[in-house]
Amino acid sequence: MTTALLSLGANIGDPLAQLQGAARSFAPWAYAHASIYRTAPWGVTDQPDFLNTALLVRDPTATAEEWLVRAQAAEQAAGRTRDRHWGPRTLDVDIISCWQDDAARTPIVSTDPHLLLPHPHATERSFVLVPALEMLSAHHPDLPLTGEFRRALAALLAHDPAVATSIQRDATLHLAPEGAL
């Protein structure tokens, strides 16, 4: 059995509907979702703000590669095109981390250029860290990844306090009806 931490983001079309559609596509395996956060664009800044969230998903038969196939299918269903690196997108689903559900929760490592695990830049991005920590703190507080993400977010904030204003929880938006995921 594997568990995966997914980061979802969208900033063109109907971002909320696209995040909700992606959440529905992962519903059979999802056991937790984060709030929705409105975030400033990262990398290429001349584009609309993003809506970001995260999911924790578990499947007794899925490999990391199967999570990638599912992520790409959700992106394709939302009309994702890959025109500009870090550019606007209808939906982006990244696999941030994946681990075995054994007693040690053994991390899955991949050096495949199409699936680098753990995600090599997750700890540099508040739009990944904040939603992920919301869930990891509640569901996996003792997972080494949770501590790593806490330290990374503290380092980002110490280096640039403006990071705190670049991501804001939007309490008016909901990924799914209560109990649906």
Protein backbone atom coordinates (compact mmCIF):
# COMPACT_ATOMS: atom_id res chain seq x y z
CA MET A 1 0.00 0.00 0.00
CA THR A 2 1.28 3.47 -0.81
CA THR A 3 0.32 6.87 0.46
CA ALA A 4 1.01 10.00 -1.56
CA LEU A 5 0.97 13.69 -0.78
CA LEU A 6 -0.39 15.61 -3.76
CA SER A 7 -0.19 19.35 -4.32
CA LEU A 8 -2.88 20.89 -6.55
CA GLY A 9 -2.94 24.34 -8.09
CA ALA A 10 -4.87 26.26 -10.75
CA ASN A 11 -5.05 29.86 -11.90
CA ILE A 12 -6.88 30.07 -15.24
CA GLY A 13 -10.33 29.03 -16.39
CA ASP A 14 -12.37 28.24 -13.29
CA PRO A 15 -9.65 27.32 -10.77
CA LEU A 16 -12.05 26.31 -8.00
CA ALA A 17 -14.03 24.00 -10.30
CA GLN A 18 -10.80 22.49 -11.60
CA LEU A 19 -9.52 21.80 -8.08
CA GLN A 20 -12.89 20.30 -7.16
CA GLY A 21 -12.85 18.11 -10.28
CA ALA A 22 -9.37 16.87 -9.45
CA ALA A 23 -10.46 16.14 -5.88
CA ARG A 24 -13.39 14.11 -7.22
CA SER A 25 -11.05 12.12 -9.46
CA PHE A 26 -8.95 11.20 -6.41
CA ALA A 27 -11.95 10.67 -4.09
CA PRO A 28 -11.71 6.84 -4.10
CA TRP A 29 -8.27 7.11 -2.49
CA ALA A 30 -8.37 10.46 -0.65
CA TYR A 31 -8.47 10.45 3.13
CA ALA A 32 -7.62 14.09 3.82
CA HIS A 33 -7.62 17.42 2.06
CA ALA A 34 -6.30 20.83 2.98
CA SER A 35 -8.11 24.13 2.88
CA ILE A 36 -7.89 26.17 -0.29
CA TYR A 37 -5.26 28.88 -0.30
CA ARG A 38 -4.98 31.89 -2.58
CA THR A 39 -1.31 32.29 -3.49
CA ALA A 40 0.89 34.63 -5.45
CA PRO A 41 2.41 33.07 -8.58
CA TRP A 42 5.86 31.57 -8.18
CA GLY A 43 8.60 31.68 -10.80
CA VAL A 44 6.70 33.61 -13.48
CA THR A 45 4.84 36.40 -11.69
CA ASP A 46 2.99 38.09 -14.58
CA GLN A 47 -0.07 35.86 -14.26
CA PRO A 48 -3.17 35.56 -12.05
CA ASP A 49 -2.94 34.35 -8.45
CA PHE A 50 -3.33 30.63 -7.89
CA LEU A 51 -5.71 28.59 -5.81
CA ASN A 52 -3.75 25.79 -4.11
CA THR A 53 -4.60 22.84 -1.92
CA ALA A 54 -3.26 19.39 -1.09
CA LEU A 55 -4.58 15.85 -0.79
CA LEU A 56 -3.43 12.77 1.06
CA VAL A 57 -4.30 9.65 -0.91
CA ARG A 58 -3.82 5.95 -0.18
CA ASP A 59 -4.21 2.88 -2.40
CA PRO A 60 -3.23 -0.69 -1.54
CA THR A 61 -2.16 -1.39 -5.13
CA ALA A 62 -0.81 1.90 -6.48
CA THR A 63 2.83 2.52 -7.25
CA ALA A 64 4.34 5.99 -7.45
CA GLU A 65 4.16 5.71 -11.23
CA GLU A 66 0.42 4.97 -11.01
CA TRP A 67 -0.08 8.11 -8.90
CA LEU A 68 1.68 10.03 -11.70
CA VAL A 69 -0.65 8.53 -14.33
CA ARG A 70 -3.67 9.51 -12.20
CA ALA A 71 -2.30 13.03 -11.68
CA GLN A 72 -1.73 13.51 -15.40
CA ALA A 73 -5.22 12.18 -16.18
CA ALA A 74 -6.73 14.76 -13.80
CA GLU A 75 -4.67 17.51 -15.46
CA GLN A 76 -5.75 16.37 -18.92
CA ALA A 77 -9.41 16.28 -17.85
CA ALA A 78 -9.04 19.93 -16.78
CA GLY A 79 -7.59 20.90 -20.17
CA ARG A 80 -3.99 21.28 -19.02
CA THR A 81 -1.48 22.35 -21.65
CA ARG A 82 2.23 22.67 -21.03
CA ASP A 83 3.03 25.84 -22.96
CA ARG A 84 5.17 27.81 -20.53
CA HIS A 85 7.33 26.54 -17.68
CA TRP A 86 5.84 27.88 -14.41
CA GLY A 87 3.18 29.62 -16.50
CA PRO A 88 -0.59 29.82 -16.05
CA ARG A 89 -2.43 26.52 -15.90
CA THR A 90 -5.89 25.09 -15.64
CA LEU A 91 -4.61 22.45 -13.23
CA ASP A 92 -1.30 21.26 -11.86
CA VAL A 93 -1.11 18.09 -9.78
CA ASP A 94 2.32 17.33 -8.34
CA ILE A 95 3.31 14.27 -6.36
CA ILE A 96 5.28 15.77 -3.50
CA SER A 97 6.08 12.61 -1.58
CA CYS A 98 5.10 8.98 -1.60
CA TRP A 99 5.72 6.32 1.02
CA GLN A 100 4.98 2.70 1.78
CA ASP A 101 2.42 2.07 4.48
CA ASP A 102 4.72 -0.27 6.34
CA ALA A 103 5.65 0.24 9.99
CA ALA A 104 8.60 2.44 9.00
CA ARG A 105 6.58 4.38 6.39
CA THR A 106 9.47 3.88 4.02
CA PRO A 107 9.80 6.82 1.61
CA ILE A 108 9.68 6.01 -2.08
CA VAL A 109 12.59 7.56 -3.95
CA SER A 110 12.55 8.05 -7.71
CA THR A 111 15.25 9.55 -9.91
CA ASP A 112 13.20 9.17 -13.08
CA PRO A 113 13.23 12.63 -14.75
CA HIS A 114 9.42 12.40 -15.15
CA LEU A 115 8.87 11.52 -11.49
CA LEU A 116 11.41 12.87 -9.04
CA LEU A 117 10.56 11.78 -5.50
CA PRO A 118 10.55 13.35 -3.11
CA HIS A 119 9.71 16.48 -5.11
CA PRO A 120 13.04 18.33 -5.32
CA HIS A 121 11.60 21.84 -4.83
CA ALA A 122 8.70 21.28 -2.42
CA THR A 123 10.57 22.73 0.55
CA GLU A 124 11.18 25.99 -1.34
CA ARG A 125 7.51 26.73 -2.02
CA SER A 126 5.09 28.02 0.59
CA PHE A 127 2.13 27.12 -1.64
CA VAL A 128 3.16 23.47 -1.18
CA LEU A 129 4.32 23.63 2.44
CA VAL A 130 1.35 25.40 4.04
CA PRO A 131 -1.48 23.18 2.70
CA ALA A 132 0.66 20.06 3.16
CA LEU A 133 1.45 20.93 6.77
CA GLU A 134 -2.22 21.53 7.50
CA MET A 135 -2.89 17.86 6.71
CA LEU A 136 0.38 16.27 7.79
CA SER A 137 0.16 17.88 11.24
CA ALA A 138 -3.29 16.38 11.72
CA HIS A 139 -2.78 12.96 10.14
CA HIS A 140 0.96 12.23 10.31
CA PRO A 141 2.52 14.47 13.01
CA ASP A 142 5.37 12.03 13.62
CA LEU A 143 6.28 11.48 9.96
CA PRO A 144 9.81 12.78 9.25
CA LEU A 145 8.38 14.70 6.28
CA THR A 146 6.17 16.74 8.65
CA GLY A 147 9.19 17.92 10.64
CA GLU A 148 11.13 18.61 7.46
CA PHE A 149 8.29 20.76 6.10
CA ARG A 150 7.97 22.67 9.40
CA ARG A 151 11.69 23.49 9.34
CA ALA A 152 11.54 24.47 5.67
CA LEU A 153 8.61 26.84 6.21
CA ALA A 154 10.33 28.42 9.23
CA ALA A 155 13.45 28.95 7.10
CA LEU A 156 11.41 30.52 4.29
CA LEU A 157 9.74 32.90 6.74
CA ALA A 158 13.05 33.79 8.41
CA HIS A 159 14.63 34.53 5.05
CA ASP A 160 11.66 36.47 3.64
CA PRO A 161 8.84 37.49 6.01
CA ALA A 162 6.77 38.53 2.96
CA VAL A 163 6.22 34.82 2.32
CA ALA A 164 3.56 35.00 5.03
CA THR A 165 1.46 37.39 2.94
CA SER A 166 1.99 35.52 -0.34
CA ILE A 167 -0.35 32.72 0.77
CA GLN A 168 -3.74 33.23 2.40
CA ARG A 169 -6.32 30.62 3.39
CA ASP A 170 -9.64 31.36 1.68
CA ALA A 171 -12.33 30.27 4.14
CA THR A 172 -15.06 31.03 1.60
CA LEU A 173 -13.90 28.32 -0.83
CA HIS A 174 -14.33 24.59 -0.26
CA LEU A 175 -12.77 21.67 -2.06
CA ALA A 176 -15.60 19.27 -1.31
CA PRO A 177 -18.75 19.07 0.79
CA GLU A 178 -18.06 18.01 4.38
CA GLY A 179 -17.43 14.28 4.49
CA ALA A 180 -17.21 13.91 0.69
CA LEU A 181 -13.48 13.16 0.73
